[in-house]
Amino acid sequence: MPKFLSMLRAVAIAAALCAFSGVSLAGQPKAAQNQPSDVYYEIFVRAFYDSKGQGVGDLNGITEKLDYIKSLGVSGIWLMPINPSPSYHGYDITDYEAINPQYGTMQDFKHLLDEAHKRGIKVVMDMVINHTSDQHPWFKAALNPNDPHHDWYLWAKPGTDIHAISAVGGPAWHRASNGQYYEGTFTGAMPDLNYDNPVVRKAMIEVGRFWLRQGVDGFRLDAAQHIYDDLRTDMDDPIALQKNVRWWSEYRHALETTNPNVWLVGEVARQNPDDLTPYLGPLNTVFNFPVATQLIESVRQERNLGIGNSLQFTYAAYRTHAGGHFDDAPFLSNHDQERVMSQLDDNMAHMRVAAALLLTLPGEPFIYYGEELGMQGTKPDEDIREPMRWYRNGKGPGTASWKDWSTNDGADVSVQAENADPGSLLNLYRTLISWRTQVSALRDGALTNVPADDPHVLAYTLADAQSRVLVVHNLSRDVRVFDLGSNVHASSVLLQTKPGAVLANGKLTLSAYATAILQ
């Protein structure tokens, strides 16, 4: 157990008992309708919808599909990089204040922002500022040691170990055309910026302000831990962590002068909650990589692997660190990971349980485009970023064709097929997201684990000022009977993913792979 958990155990348990011991869940007021779901939808623009028939998804294509996105019930979209870049993925930028011409123009982007905001959909932009492209004019200028841009990057000095391993496992140092070695945590095509240089910090703050002035609502901060965590030896270095946190605090405060409501979610790809906690406060939230791993594994094994306890203590630590308020960002997979359906071996029952787990957790859950359809995809990276499946036959207006599909997904894995099927995965996602608009505790509630003797059942309470509910998941293929015990009482089944949930005499009977919300 992470070291902070044991310290907070007594406090968390005491709080839980005060909040829930002997308290009935009956008669709690429902949240107002049409509240935001706080769910975000990640989009790889190249793969989503092609408005020009040129094979590449674009910004106007997303605008055309905003009504589909709205139909999911999500509150916002995260656009993977949209800046000019020599790569297909865009994570090596050559111009921070322009739009990739393959995706459209600045006018197209502003039109997308306007149309998204009309529908109540926020737009979060991928902000890739740990490094630039080696084709960026800054880096080209930096090859001259006498140019001011030289100090914008990190160069080897006498005594530098140019054979050092980076924090992500590859070579940290790369030979430039001028014969010098520069640091690139990810690849030689992505030279790291020098954040000890105040001119670099100022430039990147101005980039953020530029996009906020265009109307962007916030940023997904790529490689947030690697601003100073560059080498394998930096990964547990408290100085590197301190400098990371200090920078993101500076960044946030500066951006708030342009938009006081700017929303920042950081990519800190660590599996220990202790490593995420320091970023809460400087950022609104960070992606919850530990819970993503735990959710998938619990679903695969059909067993409760301690998710409730883990989240209860983790959230207590987050709240303590962030002054009482934080937003979690749980997810199942993203553009760097194999798709959920592939991780679950194309088991639809497991996929449906995973969706129910994700979307009954508080915070701002993220869904990767196509996840709601059950699209498959395994590494290499191009194969997990494939064209969105709009049509049964795989082809049709707007289908991106920048690459062929690598999977055996059939006609049923498509928007066209699943829209027409009330029992489809797509419609389950819509249902689960709609629950979050109906019951505010599913978005904002404090989570308290409810012990279950049955290892195939996961239960927890969620409570905020508006509502208090009990969430129960049957992770298994068999009907399960869950005894609520004496500390938590419920009077009725409010919502359920499958028919057959029966509450009687303090016991809940749940169908196989079913989820129920009790009040």
Protein backbone atom coordinates (compact mmCIF):
# COMPACT_ATOMS: atom_id res chain seq x y z
CA MET A 1 0.00 0.00 0.00
CA PRO A 2 1.39 3.48 -0.82
CA LYS A 3 2.82 5.14 2.25
CA PHE A 4 0.26 7.96 2.36
CA LEU A 5 -2.63 5.52 2.55
CA SER A 6 -1.78 4.14 5.94
CA MET A 7 -1.44 7.64 7.37
CA LEU A 8 -4.84 8.63 6.06
CA ARG A 9 -6.64 5.39 6.88
CA ALA A 10 -7.81 6.44 10.32
CA VAL A 11 -8.98 9.85 9.12
CA ALA A 12 -10.78 8.40 6.10
CA ILE A 13 -12.54 5.69 8.09
CA ALA A 14 -13.66 8.17 10.73
CA ALA A 15 -15.03 10.47 8.05
CA ALA A 16 -16.77 7.58 6.39
CA LEU A 17 -18.47 6.51 9.57
CA CYS A 18 -19.62 10.03 10.26
CA ALA A 19 -21.00 10.37 6.77
CA PHE A 20 -22.63 7.00 6.29
CA SER A 21 -23.05 5.00 9.47
CA GLY A 22 -26.73 4.38 9.94
CA VAL A 23 -27.67 6.98 7.34
CA SER A 24 -30.51 6.08 5.01
CA LEU A 25 -30.14 6.68 1.29
CA ALA A 26 -33.88 6.96 0.83
CA GLY A 27 -35.54 10.22 -0.03
CA GLN A 28 -32.45 12.06 -1.23
CA PRO A 29 -33.24 14.84 -3.71
CA LYS A 30 -32.39 14.25 -7.33
CA ALA A 31 -30.00 16.61 -9.03
CA ALA A 32 -31.47 19.04 -11.50
CA GLN A 33 -31.86 17.76 -15.03
CA ASN A 34 -29.56 18.87 -17.87
CA GLN A 35 -26.53 19.20 -15.65
CA PRO A 36 -23.14 18.61 -17.31
CA SER A 37 -21.97 15.03 -17.29
CA ASP A 38 -18.31 16.09 -16.88
CA VAL A 39 -17.35 13.39 -19.40
CA TYR A 40 -14.71 14.17 -22.06
CA TYR A 41 -14.23 12.55 -25.45
CA GLU A 42 -10.71 12.19 -26.87
CA ILE A 43 -10.42 12.69 -30.65
CA PHE A 44 -7.54 11.97 -33.03
CA VAL A 45 -8.52 14.48 -35.68
CA ARG A 46 -6.82 12.61 -38.53
CA ALA A 47 -8.97 9.54 -37.86
CA PHE A 48 -12.36 11.00 -36.99
CA TYR A 49 -14.26 12.46 -39.97
CA ASP A 50 -13.02 13.67 -43.35
CA SER A 51 -15.10 16.59 -44.62
CA LYS A 52 -13.14 17.05 -47.86
CA GLY A 53 -12.87 13.50 -49.14
CA GLN A 54 -9.07 13.64 -49.06
CA GLY A 55 -8.57 10.70 -46.71
CA VAL A 56 -7.63 12.72 -43.63
CA GLY A 57 -9.98 13.70 -40.84
CA ASP A 58 -10.18 17.44 -40.27
CA LEU A 59 -11.62 20.15 -38.04
CA ASN A 60 -14.67 20.73 -40.24
CA GLY A 61 -15.31 17.01 -40.00
CA ILE A 62 -15.49 17.26 -36.24
CA THR A 63 -17.84 20.22 -36.58
CA GLU A 64 -20.07 18.11 -38.85
CA LYS A 65 -20.16 15.40 -36.19
CA LEU A 66 -20.80 17.61 -33.17
CA ASP A 67 -24.40 16.44 -33.03
CA TYR A 68 -23.17 12.84 -32.74
CA ILE A 69 -20.77 13.91 -30.00
CA LYS A 70 -23.60 15.80 -28.31
CA SER A 71 -25.79 12.67 -28.52
CA LEU A 72 -23.26 10.86 -26.34
CA GLY A 73 -23.95 13.36 -23.58
CA VAL A 74 -20.32 14.39 -23.11
CA SER A 75 -19.42 17.81 -21.75
CA GLY A 76 -16.19 18.32 -23.66
CA ILE A 77 -13.78 17.08 -26.29
CA TRP A 78 -10.01 16.72 -26.13
CA LEU A 79 -8.38 17.27 -29.50
CA MET A 80 -5.06 15.53 -29.98
CA PRO A 81 -2.43 17.89 -31.48
CA ILE A 82 -3.75 20.21 -34.19
CA ASN A 83 -0.59 22.27 -34.77
CA PRO A 84 1.67 21.91 -37.83
CA SER A 85 3.95 18.89 -37.50
CA PRO A 86 6.04 16.65 -39.78
CA SER A 87 4.57 13.49 -38.20
CA TYR A 88 1.17 11.84 -38.60
CA HIS A 89 0.49 12.07 -34.83
CA GLY A 90 1.46 15.70 -34.30
CA TYR A 91 3.39 15.40 -31.06
CA ASP A 92 6.41 17.16 -32.58
CA ILE A 93 5.25 20.69 -33.31
CA THR A 94 6.82 23.17 -35.74
CA ASP A 95 4.52 26.15 -35.11
CA TYR A 96 2.69 26.63 -31.82
CA GLU A 97 0.32 29.34 -33.04
CA ALA A 98 -0.97 27.78 -36.24
CA ILE A 99 -3.24 24.96 -37.43
CA ASN A 100 -1.97 21.88 -39.24
CA PRO A 101 -2.99 22.66 -42.86
CA GLN A 102 -4.11 19.04 -43.32
CA TYR A 103 -6.73 19.71 -40.64
CA GLY A 104 -7.91 23.10 -41.90
CA THR A 105 -7.45 26.75 -41.06
CA MET A 106 -7.69 28.96 -38.00
CA GLN A 107 -11.09 30.04 -39.30
CA ASP A 108 -12.17 26.38 -39.35
CA PHE A 109 -10.98 25.97 -35.78
CA LYS A 110 -12.85 29.05 -34.57
CA HIS A 111 -15.97 27.75 -36.30
CA LEU A 112 -15.56 24.44 -34.46
CA LEU A 113 -15.17 26.30 -31.16
CA ASP A 114 -18.29 28.38 -31.82
CA GLU A 115 -20.41 25.38 -32.79
CA ALA A 116 -19.15 23.27 -29.88
CA HIS A 117 -19.89 26.04 -27.40
CA LYS A 118 -23.39 26.49 -28.84
CA ARG A 119 -23.99 22.85 -27.90
CA GLY A 120 -22.51 23.24 -24.42
CA ILE A 121 -19.39 21.27 -25.38
CA LYS A 122 -16.03 22.51 -24.10
CA VAL A 123 -12.90 22.17 -26.21
CA VAL A 124 -9.63 21.07 -24.62
CA MET A 125 -6.55 21.27 -26.79
CA ASP A 126 -3.45 19.08 -26.56
CA MET A 127 -0.59 21.28 -25.37
CA VAL A 128 2.77 19.72 -26.26
CA ILE A 129 5.40 21.95 -24.68
CA ASN A 130 7.91 19.56 -23.10
CA HIS A 131 9.65 19.45 -26.48
CA THR A 132 9.42 20.80 -30.01
CA SER A 133 10.02 19.18 -33.37
CA ASP A 134 13.63 19.11 -34.53
CA GLN A 135 12.19 20.87 -37.60
CA HIS A 136 10.96 23.82 -35.52
CA PRO A 137 12.63 27.11 -36.49
CA TRP A 138 13.71 27.50 -32.87
CA PHE A 139 15.72 24.29 -32.93
CA LYS A 140 17.17 24.99 -36.35
CA ALA A 141 18.38 28.33 -35.02
CA ALA A 142 19.65 26.65 -31.85
CA LEU A 143 22.16 24.62 -33.86
CA ASN A 144 24.23 27.80 -33.95
CA PRO A 145 25.88 28.11 -30.49
CA ASN A 146 25.89 31.89 -30.87
CA ASP A 147 22.15 32.14 -31.52
CA PRO A 148 19.97 33.08 -28.49
CA HIS A 149 17.81 30.01 -29.20
CA HIS A 150 20.74 27.72 -28.40
CA ASP A 151 19.93 28.06 -24.71
CA TRP A 152 16.27 27.20 -25.39
CA TYR A 153 17.32 23.54 -25.53
CA LEU A 154 19.39 21.17 -23.40
CA TRP A 155 22.91 20.44 -24.65
CA ALA A 156 25.50 18.02 -23.34
CA LYS A 157 28.32 19.53 -21.31
CA PRO A 158 31.77 18.18 -20.47
CA GLY A 159 31.19 15.14 -18.27
CA THR A 160 27.63 14.48 -19.51
CA ASP A 161 26.92 10.78 -19.91
CA ILE A 162 25.71 10.79 -23.51
CA HIS A 163 24.80 7.11 -23.15
CA ALA A 164 22.27 7.82 -20.38
CA ILE A 165 18.79 6.30 -20.63
CA SER A 166 15.82 8.64 -20.76
CA ALA A 167 12.87 8.50 -18.38
CA VAL A 168 10.86 6.65 -21.04
CA GLY A 169 13.51 4.03 -21.67
CA GLY A 170 15.31 5.12 -24.83
CA PRO A 171 18.49 7.11 -25.49
CA ALA A 172 18.39 10.49 -23.77
CA TRP A 173 21.06 12.21 -25.90
CA HIS A 174 21.11 12.62 -29.66
CA ARG A 175 23.79 13.93 -31.99
CA ALA A 176 22.87 17.09 -33.89
CA SER A 177 24.14 18.11 -37.30
CA ASN A 178 26.52 20.54 -35.61
CA GLY A 179 28.21 17.65 -33.80
CA GLN A 180 26.79 18.52 -30.37
CA TYR A 181 24.48 16.29 -28.35
CA TYR A 182 21.05 17.47 -27.29
CA GLU A 183 18.52 15.95 -24.92
CA GLY A 184 15.37 14.35 -26.31
CA THR A 185 13.45 12.33 -23.74
CA PHE A 186 11.21 10.67 -26.33
CA THR A 187 13.14 10.64 -29.62
CA GLY A 188 15.76 12.61 -31.48
CA ALA A 189 12.94 14.20 -33.47
CA MET A 190 11.62 15.76 -30.24
CA PRO A 191 14.34 17.91 -28.60
CA ASP A 192 13.52 18.90 -25.02
CA LEU A 193 13.10 22.55 -24.14
CA ASN A 194 15.15 24.13 -21.35
CA TYR A 195 12.70 25.28 -18.70
CA ASP A 196 15.45 26.74 -16.56
CA ASN A 197 15.54 29.48 -19.19
CA PRO A 198 12.96 32.14 -18.24
CA VAL A 199 12.59 33.12 -21.91
CA VAL A 200 11.33 29.60 -22.69
CA ARG A 201 8.85 29.72 -19.82
CA LYS A 202 7.55 33.09 -20.99
CA ALA A 203 7.23 31.87 -24.59
CA MET A 204 5.21 28.81 -23.58
CA ILE A 205 2.93 30.83 -21.33
CA GLU A 206 2.27 33.12 -24.28
CA VAL A 207 1.39 30.09 -26.42
CA GLY A 208 -1.22 29.06 -23.86
CA ARG A 209 -2.63 32.58 -23.68
CA PHE A 210 -2.82 32.75 -27.47
CA TRP A 211 -5.12 29.72 -27.65
CA LEU A 212 -7.21 30.86 -24.70
CA ARG A 213 -7.84 34.09 -26.58
CA GLN A 214 -9.12 32.04 -29.51
CA GLY A 215 -11.69 30.49 -27.16
CA VAL A 216 -10.14 27.20 -26.06
CA ASP A 217 -11.45 26.10 -22.64
CA GLY A 218 -8.35 24.31 -21.40
CA PHE A 219 -5.42 22.08 -22.16
CA ARG A 220 -4.37 18.48 -21.90
CA LEU A 221 -0.72 18.85 -20.90
CA ASP A 222 1.36 16.27 -22.71
CA ALA A 223 4.25 14.68 -20.78
CA ALA A 224 3.56 16.89 -17.76
CA GLN A 225 5.99 14.95 -15.58
CA HIS A 226 8.87 15.21 -18.06
CA ILE A 227 9.49 18.96 -17.99
CA TYR A 228 12.31 18.13 -15.55
CA ASP A 229 11.93 14.35 -15.23
CA ASP A 230 14.10 13.64 -18.28
CA LEU A 231 16.46 10.80 -17.36
CA ARG A 232 15.77 7.44 -15.78
CA THR A 233 17.72 8.73 -12.75
CA ASP A 234 15.25 11.64 -12.45
CA MET A 235 12.17 9.45 -12.06
CA ASP A 236 12.23 9.44 -8.25
CA ASP A 237 14.25 12.61 -7.78
CA PRO A 238 12.42 14.99 -5.39
CA ILE A 239 14.19 17.97 -6.95
CA ALA A 240 12.89 17.12 -10.42
CA LEU A 241 9.38 16.69 -8.99
CA GLN A 242 9.61 19.99 -7.12
CA LYS A 243 10.70 21.81 -10.26
CA ASN A 244 7.89 20.22 -12.30
CA VAL A 245 5.29 21.30 -9.77
CA ARG A 246 6.74 24.79 -9.50
CA TRP A 247 6.60 25.24 -13.27
CA TRP A 248 3.00 24.07 -13.59
CA SER A 249 1.99 26.39 -10.75
CA GLU A 250 3.60 29.28 -12.59
CA TYR A 251 1.90 28.22 -15.82
CA ARG A 252 -1.54 27.92 -14.28
CA HIS A 253 -1.41 31.25 -12.48
CA ALA A 254 -0.23 32.99 -15.66
CA LEU A 255 -3.00 31.48 -17.80
CA GLU A 256 -5.63 32.44 -15.23
CA THR A 257 -4.87 36.09 -15.98
CA THR A 258 -6.29 35.45 -19.47
CA ASN A 259 -9.05 33.00 -18.51
CA PRO A 260 -9.74 32.56 -14.79
CA ASN A 261 -11.64 29.34 -15.58
CA VAL A 262 -8.95 27.65 -17.66
CA TRP A 263 -9.02 23.87 -17.08
CA LEU A 264 -5.79 21.87 -17.03
CA VAL A 265 -5.42 18.09 -17.06
CA GLY A 266 -1.91 16.65 -16.92
CA GLU A 267 -0.45 13.46 -18.32
CA VAL A 268 1.56 11.96 -15.46
CA ALA A 269 2.00 8.37 -16.53
CA ARG A 270 2.80 6.82 -13.16
CA GLN A 271 1.18 3.83 -11.44
CA ASN A 272 1.61 4.94 -7.82
CA PRO A 273 -0.99 7.45 -6.56
CA ASP A 274 1.78 9.05 -4.47
CA ASP A 275 3.34 10.22 -7.73
CA LEU A 276 0.13 11.90 -8.87
CA THR A 277 -0.82 13.72 -5.69
CA PRO A 278 1.74 16.60 -5.91
CA TYR A 279 0.25 17.75 -9.21
CA LEU A 280 -3.19 18.31 -7.68
CA GLY A 281 -3.50 22.02 -7.00
CA PRO A 282 -1.07 23.26 -9.66
CA LEU A 283 -3.32 21.44 -12.16
CA ASN A 284 -7.05 20.81 -11.99
CA THR A 285 -6.45 17.11 -12.36
CA VAL A 286 -4.20 14.41 -13.77
CA PHE A 287 -5.14 11.25 -15.62
CA ASN A 288 -5.63 8.40 -13.18
CA PHE A 289 -3.34 5.77 -14.68
CA PRO A 290 -3.43 3.55 -11.56
CA VAL A 291 -7.21 3.20 -11.62
CA ALA A 292 -7.24 2.53 -15.38
CA THR A 293 -4.99 -0.48 -14.81
CA GLN A 294 -7.04 -1.65 -11.84
CA LEU A 295 -10.39 -1.32 -13.63
CA ILE A 296 -9.26 -3.35 -16.63
CA GLU A 297 -7.70 -6.06 -14.50
CA SER A 298 -10.72 -6.31 -12.21
CA VAL A 299 -13.02 -6.70 -15.20
CA ARG A 300 -10.75 -9.28 -16.80
CA GLN A 301 -10.58 -11.35 -13.60
CA GLU A 302 -14.23 -10.67 -12.68
CA ARG A 303 -13.04 -9.85 -9.17
CA ASN A 304 -12.99 -6.81 -6.91
CA LEU A 305 -9.27 -6.07 -6.62
CA GLY A 306 -9.75 -3.40 -3.97
CA ILE A 307 -10.87 -0.57 -6.23
CA GLY A 308 -13.19 0.97 -3.64
CA ASN A 309 -10.66 1.02 -0.83
CA SER A 310 -7.91 2.26 -3.10
CA LEU A 311 -10.00 5.10 -4.47
CA GLN A 312 -11.33 6.11 -1.05
CA PHE A 313 -7.85 6.57 0.36
CA THR A 314 -6.43 8.07 -2.82
CA TYR A 315 -9.19 10.65 -3.00
CA ALA A 316 -8.66 11.53 0.65
CA ALA A 317 -4.99 12.18 -0.10
CA TYR A 318 -5.88 14.26 -3.16
CA ARG A 319 -8.34 16.39 -1.19
CA THR A 320 -5.82 16.97 1.59
CA HIS A 321 -3.17 18.06 -0.89
CA ALA A 322 -5.49 20.19 -3.04
CA GLY A 323 -7.09 22.09 -0.18
CA GLY A 324 -10.30 20.11 -0.10
CA HIS A 325 -11.21 20.13 -3.79
CA PHE A 326 -9.98 18.16 -6.75
CA ASP A 327 -11.26 16.64 -9.98
CA ASP A 328 -10.19 13.11 -10.83
CA ALA A 329 -9.73 12.09 -14.48
CA PRO A 330 -10.35 8.33 -14.73
CA PHE A 331 -10.17 6.56 -18.08
CA LEU A 332 -9.88 3.07 -19.55
CA SER A 333 -7.46 3.63 -22.42
CA ASN A 334 -6.07 6.38 -24.65
CA HIS A 335 -4.09 6.90 -27.84
CA ASP A 336 -0.94 5.39 -26.30
CA GLN A 337 -2.54 2.18 -25.05
CA GLU A 338 -4.17 -0.81 -26.66
CA ARG A 339 -7.89 -0.30 -26.99
CA VAL A 340 -10.09 -1.53 -24.15
CA MET A 341 -11.90 -4.14 -26.23
CA SER A 342 -8.57 -5.65 -27.28
CA GLN A 343 -7.30 -5.65 -23.70
CA LEU A 344 -10.48 -7.53 -22.80
CA ASP A 345 -10.05 -10.08 -25.62
CA ASP A 346 -13.13 -8.88 -27.49
CA ASN A 347 -15.41 -9.88 -24.60
CA MET A 348 -18.47 -7.65 -24.93
CA ALA A 349 -19.84 -8.50 -21.48
CA HIS A 350 -16.56 -7.40 -19.92
CA MET A 351 -16.51 -4.26 -22.07
CA ARG A 352 -19.95 -3.28 -20.79
CA VAL A 353 -18.87 -3.77 -17.18
CA ALA A 354 -15.75 -1.67 -17.78
CA ALA A 355 -17.90 1.14 -19.16
CA ALA A 356 -20.20 0.99 -16.13
CA LEU A 357 -17.26 1.10 -13.74
CA LEU A 358 -15.69 4.10 -15.46
CA LEU A 359 -18.84 6.15 -15.74
CA THR A 360 -19.98 5.67 -12.15
CA LEU A 361 -16.78 7.18 -10.75
CA PRO A 362 -16.66 10.83 -9.70
CA GLY A 363 -14.64 13.41 -11.57
CA GLU A 364 -14.17 13.90 -15.30
CA PRO A 365 -13.97 10.51 -17.03
CA PHE A 366 -12.35 10.38 -20.47
CA ILE A 367 -13.50 8.20 -23.37
CA TYR A 368 -11.24 7.49 -26.36
CA TYR A 369 -13.07 7.86 -29.68
CA GLY A 370 -14.44 4.52 -30.87
CA GLU A 371 -14.36 3.08 -27.36
CA GLU A 372 -18.12 3.60 -27.22
CA LEU A 373 -18.43 1.30 -30.24
CA GLY A 374 -16.10 -1.41 -28.98
CA MET A 375 -13.45 -0.78 -31.62
CA GLN A 376 -10.39 -2.99 -31.25
CA GLY A 377 -6.76 -2.01 -31.72
CA THR A 378 -3.36 -3.26 -30.64
CA LYS A 379 0.13 -1.79 -31.00
CA PRO A 380 1.91 -0.39 -32.99
CA ASP A 381 0.53 3.07 -32.28
CA GLU A 382 -0.90 3.64 -35.75
CA ASP A 383 -3.19 0.64 -35.22
CA ILE A 384 -4.76 2.09 -32.07
CA ARG A 385 -5.46 5.41 -33.86
CA GLU A 386 -7.42 4.06 -36.78
CA PRO A 387 -10.36 5.63 -38.65
CA MET A 388 -13.62 5.96 -36.76
CA ARG A 389 -16.15 3.35 -37.87
CA TRP A 390 -19.21 5.22 -39.05
CA TYR A 391 -20.82 2.70 -41.42
CA ARG A 392 -21.71 -0.99 -41.41
CA ASN A 393 -19.81 -1.61 -44.62
CA GLY A 394 -16.78 0.30 -43.36
CA LYS A 395 -16.88 2.92 -46.09
CA GLY A 396 -18.95 5.99 -46.76
CA PRO A 397 -18.88 9.78 -46.75
CA GLY A 398 -16.47 11.16 -44.19
CA THR A 399 -14.63 7.92 -43.44
CA ALA A 400 -10.94 8.71 -43.05
CA SER A 401 -8.69 6.56 -45.22
CA TRP A 402 -5.21 7.64 -44.16
CA LYS A 403 -4.69 3.99 -43.18
CA ASP A 404 -6.59 0.73 -43.42
CA TRP A 405 -8.07 -1.02 -40.38
CA SER A 406 -5.89 -3.70 -38.83
CA THR A 407 -8.64 -5.44 -36.85
CA ASN A 408 -11.47 -7.84 -37.65
CA ASP A 409 -14.25 -5.61 -36.32
CA GLY A 410 -17.44 -6.47 -38.14
CA ALA A 411 -20.33 -4.41 -39.46
CA ASP A 412 -21.94 -4.38 -36.02
CA VAL A 413 -19.05 -2.28 -34.69
CA SER A 414 -20.16 0.97 -36.28
CA VAL A 415 -22.20 4.03 -35.43
CA GLN A 416 -24.72 3.12 -38.12
CA ALA A 417 -25.39 -0.34 -36.67
CA GLU A 418 -25.27 0.58 -33.00
CA ASN A 419 -27.48 3.65 -33.32
CA ALA A 420 -30.26 1.34 -34.46
CA ASP A 421 -29.79 -1.19 -31.64
CA PRO A 422 -31.20 -0.11 -28.25
CA GLY A 423 -29.05 -2.73 -26.53
CA SER A 424 -25.78 -1.73 -28.19
CA LEU A 425 -22.61 -0.68 -26.42
CA LEU A 426 -23.01 2.79 -27.91
CA ASN A 427 -26.43 3.18 -26.34
CA LEU A 428 -25.14 1.82 -23.04
CA TYR A 429 -22.51 4.57 -23.03
CA ARG A 430 -25.24 7.12 -23.70
CA THR A 431 -27.32 5.72 -20.85
CA LEU A 432 -24.45 5.72 -18.37
CA ILE A 433 -23.43 9.26 -19.28
CA SER A 434 -27.05 10.40 -18.90
CA TRP A 435 -27.06 8.99 -15.37
CA ARG A 436 -24.35 11.51 -14.51
CA THR A 437 -26.65 14.36 -15.56
CA GLN A 438 -29.43 12.98 -13.36
CA VAL A 439 -27.47 12.20 -10.20
CA SER A 440 -24.92 14.80 -9.18
CA ALA A 441 -23.18 12.44 -6.74
CA LEU A 442 -21.99 10.35 -9.69
CA ARG A 443 -20.01 13.40 -10.82
CA ASP A 444 -19.12 15.18 -7.62
CA GLY A 445 -19.67 12.75 -4.78
CA ALA A 446 -17.20 11.73 -2.10
CA LEU A 447 -16.56 8.01 -2.50
CA THR A 448 -16.68 5.62 0.43
CA ASN A 449 -16.02 1.92 -0.03
CA VAL A 450 -18.72 -0.48 1.16
CA PRO A 451 -17.17 -3.82 2.15
CA ALA A 452 -18.47 -6.85 0.30
CA ASP A 453 -17.91 -10.42 1.44
CA ASP A 454 -18.40 -11.57 -2.14
CA PRO A 455 -15.14 -10.98 -4.10
CA HIS A 456 -17.14 -10.61 -7.32
CA VAL A 457 -19.04 -7.55 -6.08
CA LEU A 458 -17.85 -3.95 -5.86
CA ALA A 459 -19.91 -1.43 -3.88
CA TYR A 460 -19.39 2.14 -2.78
CA THR A 461 -21.41 5.16 -1.76
CA LEU A 462 -21.18 8.55 -3.44
CA ALA A 463 -22.50 11.63 -1.67
CA ASP A 464 -22.56 15.35 -2.34
CA ALA A 465 -24.84 18.18 -1.23
CA GLN A 466 -27.48 17.18 -3.79
CA SER A 467 -27.68 13.42 -3.64
CA ARG A 468 -26.42 10.28 -1.95
CA VAL A 469 -26.43 6.91 -3.69
CA LEU A 470 -25.11 3.39 -3.35
CA VAL A 471 -23.41 1.96 -6.45
CA VAL A 472 -23.17 -1.83 -6.76
CA HIS A 473 -21.42 -3.75 -9.57
CA ASN A 474 -21.68 -7.47 -10.22
CA LEU A 475 -18.38 -8.23 -11.96
CA SER A 476 -19.21 -11.88 -12.60
CA ARG A 477 -21.12 -14.08 -15.03
CA ASP A 478 -23.47 -15.32 -12.28
CA VAL A 479 -26.36 -13.76 -10.40
CA ARG A 480 -25.09 -12.31 -7.11
CA VAL A 481 -26.82 -11.36 -3.88
CA PHE A 482 -25.22 -8.45 -2.03
CA ASP A 483 -25.98 -7.85 1.66
CA LEU A 484 -25.99 -4.10 2.32
CA GLY A 485 -25.18 -4.67 5.96
CA SER A 486 -26.22 -2.48 8.86
CA ASN A 487 -24.37 0.76 8.08
CA VAL A 488 -25.82 1.67 4.70
CA HIS A 489 -29.54 1.59 4.00
CA ALA A 490 -31.33 2.00 0.68
CA SER A 491 -35.02 1.97 -0.14
CA SER A 492 -35.14 1.41 -3.88
CA VAL A 493 -33.28 0.72 -7.10
CA LEU A 494 -32.97 4.02 -8.93
CA LEU A 495 -31.06 2.96 -12.05
CA GLN A 496 -29.75 -0.30 -13.49
CA THR A 497 -27.83 -1.44 -16.58
CA LYS A 498 -29.79 -4.71 -16.89
CA PRO A 499 -33.28 -5.68 -15.73
CA GLY A 500 -33.59 -7.94 -12.72
CA ALA A 501 -32.14 -5.89 -9.88
CA VAL A 502 -34.27 -6.60 -6.79
CA LEU A 503 -33.83 -4.99 -3.38
CA ALA A 504 -35.54 -6.83 -0.51
CA ASN A 505 -34.79 -7.19 3.20
CA GLY A 506 -31.50 -5.33 2.95
CA LYS A 507 -30.20 -7.54 0.15
CA LEU A 508 -29.71 -6.69 -3.50
CA THR A 509 -29.98 -9.35 -6.20
CA LEU A 510 -28.06 -8.43 -9.35
CA SER A 511 -27.97 -10.11 -12.73
CA ALA A 512 -24.69 -11.18 -14.27
CA TYR A 513 -22.43 -8.25 -15.22
CA ALA A 514 -25.01 -5.74 -13.98
CA THR A 515 -24.71 -2.39 -12.23
CA ALA A 516 -27.36 -0.78 -10.03
CA ILE A 517 -27.67 2.66 -8.45
CA LEU A 518 -29.67 2.60 -5.22
CA GLN A 519 -31.21 5.45 -3.29
